[in-house]
């Protein structure tokens, strides 16, 4: 099961996240904020301070929709199931 899940994680990352780094040249910070927004882990925007460019928030719904198809166990968690950081 873990190997199958790893393949789906790689598929999601390669198809929807890696192109922002490899093709579009976004920073790790920009991609981190995108992933947090897509996963709904925090109520934040994708904006970054200058001199970094940020990923437009309009891509979030589509990436989230595809993420739910590929990795439903990551996108359909109740808030009580999410890890709490304090």
C-alpha atoms as a PDB file:
ATOM      1  CA  UNK A   1       0.000   0.000   0.000  1.00  0.00           C
ATOM      2  CA  UNK A   2       2.777   2.431   0.847  1.00  0.00           C
ATOM      3  CA  UNK A   3       4.471   1.951  -2.519  1.00  0.00           C
ATOM      4  CA  UNK A   4       1.200   2.581  -4.316  1.00  0.00           C
ATOM      5  CA  UNK A   5       0.659   5.748  -2.282  1.00  0.00           C
ATOM      6  CA  UNK A   6       4.223   6.888  -2.997  1.00  0.00           C
ATOM      7  CA  UNK A   7       3.565   6.535  -6.739  1.00  0.00           C
ATOM      8  CA  UNK A   8       0.455   8.694  -6.433  1.00  0.00           C
ATOM      9  CA  UNK A   9       2.346  11.328  -4.442  1.00  0.00           C
ATOM     10  CA  UNK A  10       5.036  11.396  -7.125  1.00  0.00           C
ATOM     11  CA  UNK A  11       2.387  11.662  -9.838  1.00  0.00           C
ATOM     12  CA  UNK A  12       0.731  14.612  -8.108  1.00  0.00           C
ATOM     13  CA  UNK A  13       4.022  16.401  -7.435  1.00  0.00           C
ATOM     14  CA  UNK A  14       5.415  15.810 -10.928  1.00  0.00           C
ATOM     15  CA  UNK A  15       2.233  16.819 -12.701  1.00  0.00           C
ATOM     16  CA  UNK A  16       1.026  19.778 -10.632  1.00  0.00           C
ATOM     17  CA  UNK A  17       3.874  21.107  -8.487  1.00  0.00           C
ATOM     18  CA  UNK A  18       7.270  20.429 -10.090  1.00  0.00           C
ATOM     19  CA  UNK A  19       6.499  22.438 -13.252  1.00  0.00           C
ATOM     20  CA  UNK A  20       6.295  25.588 -11.126  1.00  0.00           C
ATOM     21  CA  UNK A  21       9.923  25.017 -10.133  1.00  0.00           C
ATOM     22  CA  UNK A  22      11.396  23.372 -13.239  1.00  0.00           C
ATOM     23  CA  UNK A  23       9.573  25.257 -15.986  1.00  0.00           C
ATOM     24  CA  UNK A  24       8.368  28.503 -14.446  1.00  0.00           C
ATOM     25  CA  UNK A  25      11.285  29.123 -12.082  1.00  0.00           C
ATOM     26  CA  UNK A  26       9.342  29.742  -8.878  1.00  0.00           C
ATOM     27  CA  UNK A  27      11.198  29.568  -5.575  1.00  0.00           C
ATOM     28  CA  UNK A  28      10.773  26.856  -2.973  1.00  0.00           C
ATOM     29  CA  UNK A  29       8.996  29.404  -0.791  1.00  0.00           C
ATOM     30  CA  UNK A  30       6.420  30.048  -3.503  1.00  0.00           C
ATOM     31  CA  UNK A  31       5.761  26.339  -3.940  1.00  0.00           C
ATOM     32  CA  UNK A  32       5.559  25.792  -0.164  1.00  0.00           C
ATOM     33  CA  UNK A  33       2.890  28.474   0.136  1.00  0.00           C
ATOM     34  CA  UNK A  34       1.035  27.003  -2.845  1.00  0.00           C
ATOM     35  CA  UNK A  35       1.012  23.550  -1.243  1.00  0.00           C
ATOM     36  CA  UNK A  36      -0.209  24.956   2.085  1.00  0.00           C
ATOM     37  CA  UNK A  37      -3.015  26.786   0.296  1.00  0.00           C
ATOM     38  CA  UNK A  38      -3.949  23.806  -1.877  1.00  0.00           C
ATOM     39  CA  UNK A  39      -4.028  21.488   1.132  1.00  0.00           C
ATOM     40  CA  UNK A  40      -6.034  23.958   3.173  1.00  0.00           C
ATOM     41  CA  UNK A  41      -3.580  23.657   6.057  1.00  0.00           C
ATOM     42  CA  UNK A  42      -3.558  27.369   6.697  1.00  0.00           C
ATOM     43  CA  UNK A  43      -5.690  30.335   5.766  1.00  0.00           C
ATOM     44  CA  UNK A  44      -3.084  32.211   3.777  1.00  0.00           C
ATOM     45  CA  UNK A  45      -2.453  33.657   0.373  1.00  0.00           C
ATOM     46  CA  UNK A  46       0.277  32.579  -2.006  1.00  0.00           C
ATOM     47  CA  UNK A  47       1.800  36.059  -2.035  1.00  0.00           C
ATOM     48  CA  UNK A  48       5.439  36.558  -1.134  1.00  0.00           C
ATOM     49  CA  UNK A  49       7.431  39.656  -0.356  1.00  0.00           C
ATOM     50  CA  UNK A  50       9.661  41.223  -2.966  1.00  0.00           C
ATOM     51  CA  UNK A  51      11.956  40.108  -4.600  1.00  0.00           C
ATOM     52  CA  UNK A  52      10.172  36.762  -4.880  1.00  0.00           C
ATOM     53  CA  UNK A  53       7.416  36.135  -7.367  1.00  0.00           C
ATOM     54  CA  UNK A  54       4.385  34.240  -6.176  1.00  0.00           C
ATOM     55  CA  UNK A  55       2.050  31.749  -7.804  1.00  0.00           C
ATOM     56  CA  UNK A  56      -1.366  33.158  -8.631  1.00  0.00           C
ATOM     57  CA  UNK A  57      -4.054  31.876  -6.277  1.00  0.00           C
ATOM     58  CA  UNK A  58      -6.424  31.199  -9.166  1.00  0.00           C
ATOM     59  CA  UNK A  59      -4.650  27.862  -9.755  1.00  0.00           C
ATOM     60  CA  UNK A  60      -5.564  26.540  -6.300  1.00  0.00           C
ATOM     61  CA  UNK A  61      -9.066  25.183  -7.054  1.00  0.00           C
ATOM     62  CA  UNK A  62      -7.902  23.143 -10.051  1.00  0.00           C
ATOM     63  CA  UNK A  63      -4.857  21.707  -8.269  1.00  0.00           C
ATOM     64  CA  UNK A  64      -7.007  20.899  -5.222  1.00  0.00           C
ATOM     65  CA  UNK A  65      -9.608  19.189  -7.444  1.00  0.00           C
ATOM     66  CA  UNK A  66      -6.971  17.030  -9.111  1.00  0.00           C
ATOM     67  CA  UNK A  67      -5.301  16.350  -5.760  1.00  0.00           C
ATOM     68  CA  UNK A  68      -8.565  14.993  -4.388  1.00  0.00           C
ATOM     69  CA  UNK A  69      -8.706  12.548  -7.296  1.00  0.00           C
ATOM     70  CA  UNK A  70      -5.101  11.381  -6.972  1.00  0.00           C
ATOM     71  CA  UNK A  71      -4.621  11.588  -3.181  1.00  0.00           C
ATOM     72  CA  UNK A  72      -8.063  11.609  -1.577  1.00  0.00           C
ATOM     73  CA  UNK A  73      -6.656  10.589   1.796  1.00  0.00           C
ATOM     74  CA  UNK A  74      -4.672  13.848   1.916  1.00  0.00           C
ATOM     75  CA  UNK A  75      -7.448  16.140   0.753  1.00  0.00           C
ATOM     76  CA  UNK A  76     -10.515  14.746   2.492  1.00  0.00           C
ATOM     77  CA  UNK A  77      -9.337  14.912   6.085  1.00  0.00           C
ATOM     78  CA  UNK A  78     -11.509  16.377   8.806  1.00  0.00           C
ATOM     79  CA  UNK A  79      -9.895  19.154  10.801  1.00  0.00           C
ATOM     80  CA  UNK A  80      -9.800  16.803  13.794  1.00  0.00           C
ATOM     81  CA  UNK A  81      -7.658  14.413  11.725  1.00  0.00           C
ATOM     82  CA  UNK A  82      -5.091  17.039  10.766  1.00  0.00           C
ATOM     83  CA  UNK A  83      -1.819  17.340  12.606  1.00  0.00           C
ATOM     84  CA  UNK A  84      -1.809  20.215  15.077  1.00  0.00           C
ATOM     85  CA  UNK A  85       1.348  22.252  15.514  1.00  0.00           C
ATOM     86  CA  UNK A  86       1.704  24.319  18.638  1.00  0.00           C
END
